[in-house]
Amino acid sequence: MEPAHYSERDLEQDSEPRGTRSPRPYLDAIAYGQALSALVITCVDLLFCEGDRRLLGFRRRPPRVGWWLVGGRMFPGESPQRTAIRKAKEEAGLEILPSQLQWIGAYSTEFAERSQPPAEEGLHSVNLTFAVRLTATQAAQVQLSEDEYSEWAWVRSSELPQWVTGQGPMDEALLAIGRACDQLSK
């Protein structure tokens, strides 16, 4: 079952989530670090698929340094689908349609480290995960953000286990997501 989004706001008339029409009031680094220590954040992860190929990006910094999916946190007022569309544009340079999204599932991740101070307190997130079915043209246009990723690779589904980096539970999560995506293709 795909995640539902219930809002008292009429977001369909407004293409932008609450708070994005003017500069977003970001928390300063200290306040954001305190929030990350006290709250579980919600993220949307995207497994880009073209045929039997899956896109992996090598993340440069915590919470996950290593091969992973494109994604990031939701903003207040965003639906999971709207976040997926925003993250595809921000991190991969792709314009995607809601019809390209296929719900994979939700999972909880607890990282031992994060990039925001105090880094050693780690990060806990709930990740809403979608497969994104790309055309061959879209797959050729992927350009992952150099701020987030040092490299990326299109990996055949059967080769996914060879790309994990030995980081235990996060590798297991990546493999489980890959298997779930394969089941959607059948």
C-alpha atoms as a PDB file:
ATOM      1  CA  MET A   1       0.000   0.000   0.000  1.00  0.00           C
ATOM      2  CA  GLU A   2       1.419   3.361  -1.043  1.00  0.00           C
ATOM      3  CA  PRO A   3       1.860   6.036   1.660  1.00  0.00           C
ATOM      4  CA  ALA A   4      -1.129   8.335   1.968  1.00  0.00           C
ATOM      5  CA  HIS A   5      -0.784  12.045   2.683  1.00  0.00           C
ATOM      6  CA  TYR A   6      -3.571  13.802   4.576  1.00  0.00           C
ATOM      7  CA  SER A   7      -3.492  17.576   4.821  1.00  0.00           C
ATOM      8  CA  GLU A   8      -5.959  20.246   5.826  1.00  0.00           C
ATOM      9  CA  ARG A   9      -4.255  22.529   3.301  1.00  0.00           C
ATOM     10  CA  ASP A  10      -5.284  22.475  -0.332  1.00  0.00           C
ATOM     11  CA  LEU A  11      -1.828  21.620  -1.649  1.00  0.00           C
ATOM     12  CA  GLU A  12      -3.122  20.667  -5.082  1.00  0.00           C
ATOM     13  CA  GLN A  13      -3.718  24.348  -5.865  1.00  0.00           C
ATOM     14  CA  ASP A  14      -0.240  25.258  -4.679  1.00  0.00           C
ATOM     15  CA  SER A  15       2.588  23.356  -6.355  1.00  0.00           C
ATOM     16  CA  GLU A  16       5.042  24.186  -3.575  1.00  0.00           C
ATOM     17  CA  PRO A  17       4.911  22.824  -0.032  1.00  0.00           C
ATOM     18  CA  ARG A  18       4.396  25.204   2.858  1.00  0.00           C
ATOM     19  CA  GLY A  19       7.433  27.329   3.539  1.00  0.00           C
ATOM     20  CA  THR A  20       9.116  27.086   0.127  1.00  0.00           C
ATOM     21  CA  ARG A  21       7.520  30.180  -1.420  1.00  0.00           C
ATOM     22  CA  SER A  22       9.935  32.381   0.504  1.00  0.00           C
ATOM     23  CA  PRO A  23      13.371  31.508   1.889  1.00  0.00           C
ATOM     24  CA  ARG A  24      12.991  28.486   4.164  1.00  0.00           C
ATOM     25  CA  PRO A  25      13.590  29.275   7.827  1.00  0.00           C
ATOM     26  CA  TYR A  26      16.395  26.784   8.415  1.00  0.00           C
ATOM     27  CA  LEU A  27      17.535  26.045  11.931  1.00  0.00           C
ATOM     28  CA  ASP A  28      21.040  27.167  12.816  1.00  0.00           C
ATOM     29  CA  ALA A  29      23.644  24.393  13.163  1.00  0.00           C
ATOM     30  CA  ILE A  30      23.323  24.110  16.956  1.00  0.00           C
ATOM     31  CA  ALA A  31      19.519  23.956  16.926  1.00  0.00           C
ATOM     32  CA  TYR A  32      19.517  21.475  14.044  1.00  0.00           C
ATOM     33  CA  GLY A  33      22.019  19.246  15.865  1.00  0.00           C
ATOM     34  CA  GLN A  34      19.804  19.328  18.967  1.00  0.00           C
ATOM     35  CA  ALA A  35      16.762  18.447  16.859  1.00  0.00           C
ATOM     36  CA  LEU A  36      18.571  15.498  15.250  1.00  0.00           C
ATOM     37  CA  SER A  37      19.522  14.223  18.715  1.00  0.00           C
ATOM     38  CA  ALA A  38      15.935  14.449  19.941  1.00  0.00           C
ATOM     39  CA  LEU A  39      13.786  13.508  16.927  1.00  0.00           C
ATOM     40  CA  VAL A  40      13.429  10.813  14.301  1.00  0.00           C
ATOM     41  CA  ILE A  41      13.434  12.467  10.875  1.00  0.00           C
ATOM     42  CA  THR A  42      11.535  11.294   7.800  1.00  0.00           C
ATOM     43  CA  CYS A  43      13.411  10.846   4.547  1.00  0.00           C
ATOM     44  CA  VAL A  44      12.442   9.709   1.066  1.00  0.00           C
ATOM     45  CA  ASP A  45      14.853   7.393  -0.759  1.00  0.00           C
ATOM     46  CA  LEU A  46      14.778   6.702  -4.497  1.00  0.00           C
ATOM     47  CA  LEU A  47      16.042   3.625  -6.315  1.00  0.00           C
ATOM     48  CA  PHE A  48      16.348   4.713  -9.940  1.00  0.00           C
ATOM     49  CA  CYS A  49      15.691   1.786 -12.282  1.00  0.00           C
ATOM     50  CA  GLU A  50      16.142   1.447 -16.031  1.00  0.00           C
ATOM     51  CA  GLY A  51      15.443  -2.067 -17.244  1.00  0.00           C
ATOM     52  CA  ASP A  52      17.343  -4.382 -14.894  1.00  0.00           C
ATOM     53  CA  ARG A  53      19.854  -1.675 -13.932  1.00  0.00           C
ATOM     54  CA  ARG A  54      19.798   0.134 -10.580  1.00  0.00           C
ATOM     55  CA  LEU A  55      21.549   3.426  -9.830  1.00  0.00           C
ATOM     56  CA  LEU A  56      23.825   3.567  -6.792  1.00  0.00           C
ATOM     57  CA  GLY A  57      25.617   6.691  -5.645  1.00  0.00           C
ATOM     58  CA  PHE A  58      28.728   6.730  -3.459  1.00  0.00           C
ATOM     59  CA  ARG A  59      27.875   9.170  -0.669  1.00  0.00           C
ATOM     60  CA  ARG A  60      30.702  11.450   0.419  1.00  0.00           C
ATOM     61  CA  ARG A  61      29.711  12.103   4.027  1.00  0.00           C
ATOM     62  CA  PRO A  62      27.775  10.742   6.988  1.00  0.00           C
ATOM     63  CA  PRO A  63      25.348   9.461   7.896  1.00  0.00           C
ATOM     64  CA  ARG A  64      26.110   6.955   5.122  1.00  0.00           C
ATOM     65  CA  VAL A  65      29.548   7.018   3.536  1.00  0.00           C
ATOM     66  CA  GLY A  66      29.389   4.382   0.837  1.00  0.00           C
ATOM     67  CA  TRP A  67      27.062   3.128  -1.870  1.00  0.00           C
ATOM     68  CA  TRP A  68      23.466   4.174  -1.306  1.00  0.00           C
ATOM     69  CA  LEU A  69      20.325   5.569  -2.886  1.00  0.00           C
ATOM     70  CA  VAL A  70      19.421   9.109  -3.836  1.00  0.00           C
ATOM     71  CA  GLY A  71      17.215  10.783  -1.258  1.00  0.00           C
ATOM     72  CA  GLY A  72      16.831  13.108   1.656  1.00  0.00           C
ATOM     73  CA  ARG A  73      14.517  14.543   4.254  1.00  0.00           C
ATOM     74  CA  MET A  74      10.965  15.665   3.809  1.00  0.00           C
ATOM     75  CA  PHE A  75      10.005  19.283   4.399  1.00  0.00           C
ATOM     76  CA  PRO A  76       6.912  20.298   6.377  1.00  0.00           C
ATOM     77  CA  GLY A  77       3.877  20.281   4.104  1.00  0.00           C
ATOM     78  CA  GLU A  78       5.356  17.881   1.531  1.00  0.00           C
ATOM     79  CA  SER A  79       3.817  14.562   0.613  1.00  0.00           C
ATOM     80  CA  PRO A  80       6.211  11.625   0.145  1.00  0.00           C
ATOM     81  CA  GLN A  81       5.605  11.782  -3.616  1.00  0.00           C
ATOM     82  CA  ARG A  82       6.329  15.512  -3.786  1.00  0.00           C
ATOM     83  CA  THR A  83       9.538  14.961  -1.795  1.00  0.00           C
ATOM     84  CA  ALA A  84      10.549  12.218  -4.254  1.00  0.00           C
ATOM     85  CA  ILE A  85      10.057  14.568  -7.203  1.00  0.00           C
ATOM     86  CA  ARG A  86      12.050  17.337  -5.462  1.00  0.00           C
ATOM     87  CA  LYS A  87      14.929  15.012  -4.492  1.00  0.00           C
ATOM     88  CA  ALA A  88      15.126  13.591  -8.046  1.00  0.00           C
ATOM     89  CA  LYS A  89      15.596  17.145  -9.343  1.00  0.00           C
ATOM     90  CA  GLU A  90      17.982  18.332  -6.589  1.00  0.00           C
ATOM     91  CA  GLU A  91      20.243  15.298  -6.410  1.00  0.00           C
ATOM     92  CA  ALA A  92      20.030  13.726  -9.887  1.00  0.00           C
ATOM     93  CA  GLY A  93      18.994  16.626 -12.126  1.00  0.00           C
ATOM     94  CA  LEU A  94      15.906  14.725 -13.305  1.00  0.00           C
ATOM     95  CA  GLU A  95      12.349  15.875 -13.887  1.00  0.00           C
ATOM     96  CA  ILE A  96      10.150  12.896 -13.052  1.00  0.00           C
ATOM     97  CA  LEU A  97       6.408  12.337 -13.006  1.00  0.00           C
ATOM     98  CA  PRO A  98       4.375  10.859 -10.144  1.00  0.00           C
ATOM     99  CA  SER A  99       3.432   7.987 -12.485  1.00  0.00           C
ATOM    100  CA  GLN A 100       7.112   6.903 -12.518  1.00  0.00           C
ATOM    101  CA  LEU A 101       7.106   6.251  -8.758  1.00  0.00           C
ATOM    102  CA  GLN A 102       6.501   2.744  -7.412  1.00  0.00           C
ATOM    103  CA  TRP A 103       6.196   2.273  -3.667  1.00  0.00           C
ATOM    104  CA  ILE A 104       8.760  -0.175  -2.251  1.00  0.00           C
ATOM    105  CA  GLY A 105       8.241   0.275   1.487  1.00  0.00           C
ATOM    106  CA  ALA A 106       9.352   1.998   4.684  1.00  0.00           C
ATOM    107  CA  TYR A 107      12.327   1.192   6.861  1.00  0.00           C
ATOM    108  CA  SER A 108      14.022   2.609   9.926  1.00  0.00           C
ATOM    109  CA  THR A 109      17.742   3.388   9.938  1.00  0.00           C
ATOM    110  CA  GLU A 110      19.993   4.249  12.872  1.00  0.00           C
ATOM    111  CA  PHE A 111      23.351   5.651  11.839  1.00  0.00           C
ATOM    112  CA  ALA A 112      26.269   5.771  14.293  1.00  0.00           C
ATOM    113  CA  GLU A 113      27.522   9.083  12.914  1.00  0.00           C
ATOM    114  CA  ARG A 114      26.158  12.174  11.201  1.00  0.00           C
ATOM    115  CA  SER A 115      27.739  15.211   9.560  1.00  0.00           C
ATOM    116  CA  GLN A 116      26.073  17.724  11.920  1.00  0.00           C
ATOM    117  CA  PRO A 117      27.577  18.293  15.378  1.00  0.00           C
ATOM    118  CA  PRO A 118      27.651  16.449  17.681  1.00  0.00           C
ATOM    119  CA  ALA A 119      28.502  13.891  14.984  1.00  0.00           C
ATOM    120  CA  GLU A 120      28.936  11.001  17.434  1.00  0.00           C
ATOM    121  CA  GLU A 121      25.258  11.130  18.456  1.00  0.00           C
ATOM    122  CA  GLY A 122      24.279   9.658  15.109  1.00  0.00           C
ATOM    123  CA  LEU A 123      20.979   9.917  13.328  1.00  0.00           C
ATOM    124  CA  HIS A 124      17.711   7.991  13.322  1.00  0.00           C
ATOM    125  CA  SER A 125      15.448   8.236  10.295  1.00  0.00           C
ATOM    126  CA  VAL A 126      12.367   6.581   8.871  1.00  0.00           C
ATOM    127  CA  ASN A 127      12.858   6.175   5.135  1.00  0.00           C
ATOM    128  CA  LEU A 128       9.965   6.024   2.684  1.00  0.00           C
ATOM    129  CA  THR A 129      11.328   4.269  -0.378  1.00  0.00           C
ATOM    130  CA  PHE A 130      10.251   4.388  -4.017  1.00  0.00           C
ATOM    131  CA  ALA A 131      11.504   2.773  -7.196  1.00  0.00           C
ATOM    132  CA  VAL A 132      11.647   5.342  -9.988  1.00  0.00           C
ATOM    133  CA  ARG A 133      11.170   3.803 -13.438  1.00  0.00           C
ATOM    134  CA  LEU A 134      13.296   5.796 -15.875  1.00  0.00           C
ATOM    135  CA  THR A 135      13.343   5.798 -19.645  1.00  0.00           C
ATOM    136  CA  ALA A 136      16.676   5.133 -21.364  1.00  0.00           C
ATOM    137  CA  THR A 137      16.824   8.851 -22.207  1.00  0.00           C
ATOM    138  CA  GLN A 138      16.315   9.843 -18.563  1.00  0.00           C
ATOM    139  CA  ALA A 139      18.896   7.301 -17.377  1.00  0.00           C
ATOM    140  CA  ALA A 140      21.462   8.845 -19.728  1.00  0.00           C
ATOM    141  CA  GLN A 141      20.719  12.300 -18.268  1.00  0.00           C
ATOM    142  CA  VAL A 142      21.411  11.386 -14.632  1.00  0.00           C
ATOM    143  CA  GLN A 143      23.940  13.739 -13.070  1.00  0.00           C
ATOM    144  CA  LEU A 144      24.269  13.179  -9.327  1.00  0.00           C
ATOM    145  CA  SER A 145      25.103  16.153  -7.125  1.00  0.00           C
ATOM    146  CA  GLU A 146      28.856  16.397  -6.576  1.00  0.00           C
ATOM    147  CA  ASP A 147      28.165  17.845  -3.118  1.00  0.00           C
ATOM    148  CA  GLU A 148      26.538  14.567  -2.058  1.00  0.00           C
ATOM    149  CA  TYR A 149      28.148  11.867  -4.240  1.00  0.00           C
ATOM    150  CA  SER A 150      31.728  11.237  -5.367  1.00  0.00           C
ATOM    151  CA  GLU A 151      30.655   8.747  -8.055  1.00  0.00           C
ATOM    152  CA  TRP A 152      27.736   6.695  -9.254  1.00  0.00           C
ATOM    153  CA  ALA A 153      27.187   3.484 -11.169  1.00  0.00           C
ATOM    154  CA  TRP A 154      24.408   1.655 -12.947  1.00  0.00           C
ATOM    155  CA  VAL A 155      24.434  -1.857 -11.485  1.00  0.00           C
ATOM    156  CA  ARG A 156      22.606  -4.908 -12.779  1.00  0.00           C
ATOM    157  CA  SER A 157      20.186  -6.223 -10.203  1.00  0.00           C
ATOM    158  CA  SER A 158      22.043  -9.545  -9.959  1.00  0.00           C
ATOM    159  CA  GLU A 159      25.326  -7.681  -9.257  1.00  0.00           C
ATOM    160  CA  LEU A 160      24.014  -5.586  -6.358  1.00  0.00           C
ATOM    161  CA  PRO A 161      25.528  -7.837  -3.620  1.00  0.00           C
ATOM    162  CA  GLN A 162      29.010  -7.196  -5.073  1.00  0.00           C
ATOM    163  CA  TRP A 163      28.637  -3.418  -4.542  1.00  0.00           C
ATOM    164  CA  VAL A 164      27.986  -3.310  -0.811  1.00  0.00           C
ATOM    165  CA  THR A 165      30.817  -2.089   1.375  1.00  0.00           C
ATOM    166  CA  GLY A 166      30.609  -4.346   4.423  1.00  0.00           C
ATOM    167  CA  GLN A 167      28.781  -1.861   6.660  1.00  0.00           C
ATOM    168  CA  GLY A 168      26.466  -4.443   8.179  1.00  0.00           C
ATOM    169  CA  PRO A 169      22.828  -3.433   8.650  1.00  0.00           C
ATOM    170  CA  MET A 170      22.916  -0.641   6.047  1.00  0.00           C
ATOM    171  CA  ASP A 171      24.191  -3.087   3.435  1.00  0.00           C
ATOM    172  CA  GLU A 172      21.370  -5.437   4.407  1.00  0.00           C
ATOM    173  CA  ALA A 173      18.894  -2.576   3.956  1.00  0.00           C
ATOM    174  CA  LEU A 174      20.291  -1.811   0.502  1.00  0.00           C
ATOM    175  CA  LEU A 175      20.047  -5.459  -0.548  1.00  0.00           C
ATOM    176  CA  ALA A 176      16.486  -5.729   0.817  1.00  0.00           C
ATOM    177  CA  ILE A 177      15.466  -2.637  -1.158  1.00  0.00           C
ATOM    178  CA  GLY A 178      17.004  -4.136  -4.296  1.00  0.00           C
ATOM    179  CA  ARG A 179      15.112  -7.411  -3.783  1.00  0.00           C
ATOM    180  CA  ALA A 180      11.841  -5.538  -3.193  1.00  0.00           C
ATOM    181  CA  CYS A 181      12.365  -3.577  -6.401  1.00  0.00           C
ATOM    182  CA  ASP A 182      12.998  -6.822  -8.294  1.00  0.00           C
ATOM    183  CA  GLN A 183       9.676  -8.195  -7.009  1.00  0.00           C
ATOM    184  CA  LEU A 184       7.866  -5.134  -8.393  1.00  0.00           C
ATOM    185  CA  SER A 185       9.288  -5.900 -11.834  1.00  0.00           C
ATOM    186  CA  LYS A 186       7.765  -9.393 -11.962  1.00  0.00           C
END
